[in-house]
């Protein structure tokens, strides 16, 4: 797949403890993105943050449950990302979701889906 030029970035901010049908919500989102054939999805774990509840989540040693913030980032052509959005509706995500236009400098994979230069 070759992707360059203008694209759309979907950023989904959720908590590490968010569950959907006894499964991690972040894993469910990534699997749905993969099944939809999107270029890629990455889950980034934050070390501290807060959201709508204003409760700070942190890796502090003395907290029993940290429920750290997660950021899921998906970048693909605008039409493909917008087609994917309805697949997230039934998950009832209680986090922030944003869309931004981005310039993709380079994303190239071979016919087996590997990045060039990877073994």
Protein backbone atom coordinates (compact mmCIF):
# COMPACT_ATOMS: atom_id res chain seq x y z
CA UNK A 1 0.00 0.00 0.00
CA UNK A 2 1.22 3.46 -0.78
CA UNK A 3 -0.12 6.43 1.12
CA UNK A 4 1.22 9.93 0.77
CA UNK A 5 -0.18 13.45 0.62
CA UNK A 6 -3.30 14.53 2.47
CA UNK A 7 -4.85 12.05 4.90
CA UNK A 8 -7.05 12.02 7.98
CA UNK A 9 -5.88 11.16 11.49
CA UNK A 10 -8.39 9.72 13.93
CA UNK A 11 -7.30 10.08 17.57
CA UNK A 12 -9.29 8.27 20.26
CA UNK A 13 -8.62 9.06 23.92
CA UNK A 14 -9.84 6.37 26.34
CA UNK A 15 -8.81 4.77 29.62
CA UNK A 16 -6.76 1.62 30.01
CA UNK A 17 -9.57 0.09 32.07
CA UNK A 18 -12.26 0.64 29.42
CA UNK A 19 -13.83 -2.70 28.49
CA UNK A 20 -16.20 -3.84 25.73
CA UNK A 21 -17.74 -7.33 26.02
CA UNK A 22 -15.10 -8.54 28.53
CA UNK A 23 -12.28 -7.38 26.25
CA UNK A 24 -10.04 -4.34 26.22
CA UNK A 25 -11.73 -1.50 24.32
CA UNK A 26 -8.42 -0.48 22.76
CA UNK A 27 -7.89 -4.02 21.42
CA UNK A 28 -11.42 -4.05 19.99
CA UNK A 29 -10.84 -0.74 18.20
CA UNK A 30 -7.51 -1.93 16.75
CA UNK A 31 -9.07 -5.21 15.56
CA UNK A 32 -11.96 -3.35 13.92
CA UNK A 33 -9.51 -1.01 12.16
CA UNK A 34 -7.52 -4.02 10.93
CA UNK A 35 -10.66 -5.78 9.71
CA UNK A 36 -11.68 -2.58 7.89
CA UNK A 37 -8.35 -2.64 6.05
CA UNK A 38 -7.10 0.69 7.38
CA UNK A 39 -3.42 1.51 6.89
CA UNK A 40 -2.59 1.08 10.57
CA UNK A 41 -3.52 1.73 14.17
CA UNK A 42 -1.30 2.39 17.17
CA UNK A 43 -2.16 2.39 20.88
CA UNK A 44 -0.03 4.72 22.99
CA UNK A 45 -0.09 4.41 26.78
CA UNK A 46 0.16 7.66 28.70
CA UNK A 47 1.91 8.04 32.03
CA UNK A 48 -0.53 10.58 33.43
CA UNK A 49 -3.68 12.40 32.40
CA UNK A 50 -7.29 13.33 33.11
CA UNK A 51 -10.48 13.66 31.14
CA UNK A 52 -14.10 14.63 31.62
CA UNK A 53 -14.20 13.37 35.23
CA UNK A 54 -11.22 15.59 36.14
CA UNK A 55 -9.75 12.66 38.08
CA UNK A 56 -6.01 12.41 37.49
CA UNK A 57 -4.79 8.97 36.41
CA UNK A 58 -1.11 8.32 37.02
CA UNK A 59 1.53 5.61 37.45
CA UNK A 60 2.16 6.79 41.02
CA UNK A 61 3.50 3.93 43.15
CA UNK A 62 0.96 4.29 45.95
CA UNK A 63 -2.15 4.02 43.79
CA UNK A 64 -3.77 0.60 43.49
CA UNK A 65 -5.56 1.22 40.22
CA UNK A 66 -4.03 3.70 37.83
CA UNK A 67 -6.36 3.28 34.78
CA UNK A 68 -3.81 5.07 32.63
CA UNK A 69 -4.85 7.10 29.60
CA UNK A 70 -4.60 5.48 26.16
CA UNK A 71 -4.42 7.19 22.79
CA UNK A 72 -5.34 5.21 19.69
CA UNK A 73 -4.11 6.79 16.47
CA UNK A 74 -5.34 5.73 13.03
CA UNK A 75 -4.21 7.43 9.79
CA UNK A 76 -5.55 6.69 6.32
CA UNK A 77 -7.23 8.39 3.37
CA UNK A 78 -10.10 10.63 4.48
CA UNK A 79 -12.86 8.56 2.88
CA UNK A 80 -11.58 5.33 4.47
CA UNK A 81 -11.41 6.87 7.97
CA UNK A 82 -14.88 8.40 7.63
CA UNK A 83 -16.28 5.04 6.44
CA UNK A 84 -14.78 3.46 9.57
CA UNK A 85 -16.40 5.85 12.08
CA UNK A 86 -19.83 4.10 12.14
CA UNK A 87 -18.07 0.87 13.20
CA UNK A 88 -17.12 2.64 16.43
CA UNK A 89 -20.65 3.85 17.25
CA UNK A 90 -21.83 0.61 18.87
CA UNK A 91 -18.80 0.63 21.21
CA UNK A 92 -20.29 3.60 23.09
CA UNK A 93 -16.86 5.15 23.60
CA UNK A 94 -16.91 7.53 26.55
CA UNK A 95 -13.71 9.29 25.57
CA UNK A 96 -12.70 12.08 23.26
CA UNK A 97 -12.40 11.40 19.53
CA UNK A 98 -10.80 13.91 17.17
CA UNK A 99 -10.14 14.12 13.44
CA UNK A 100 -7.34 16.17 11.87
CA UNK A 101 -6.06 16.55 8.35
CA UNK A 102 -2.41 15.51 8.13
CA UNK A 103 0.27 15.36 5.47
CA UNK A 104 1.66 11.86 5.08
CA UNK A 105 5.29 12.05 4.05
CA UNK A 106 5.75 8.36 3.39
CA UNK A 107 4.08 5.05 4.07
CA UNK A 108 5.01 2.16 1.78
CA UNK A 109 4.49 -1.56 2.31
CA UNK A 110 5.27 -4.47 0.00
CA UNK A 111 2.70 -6.96 -1.30
CA UNK A 112 2.94 -8.96 1.96
CA UNK A 113 2.08 -5.91 4.04
CA UNK A 114 5.60 -5.40 5.42
CA UNK A 115 7.36 -2.08 5.51
CA UNK A 116 10.19 -1.86 3.02
CA UNK A 117 13.50 -2.62 4.67
CA UNK A 118 11.88 -4.78 7.37
CA UNK A 119 12.79 -8.45 7.61
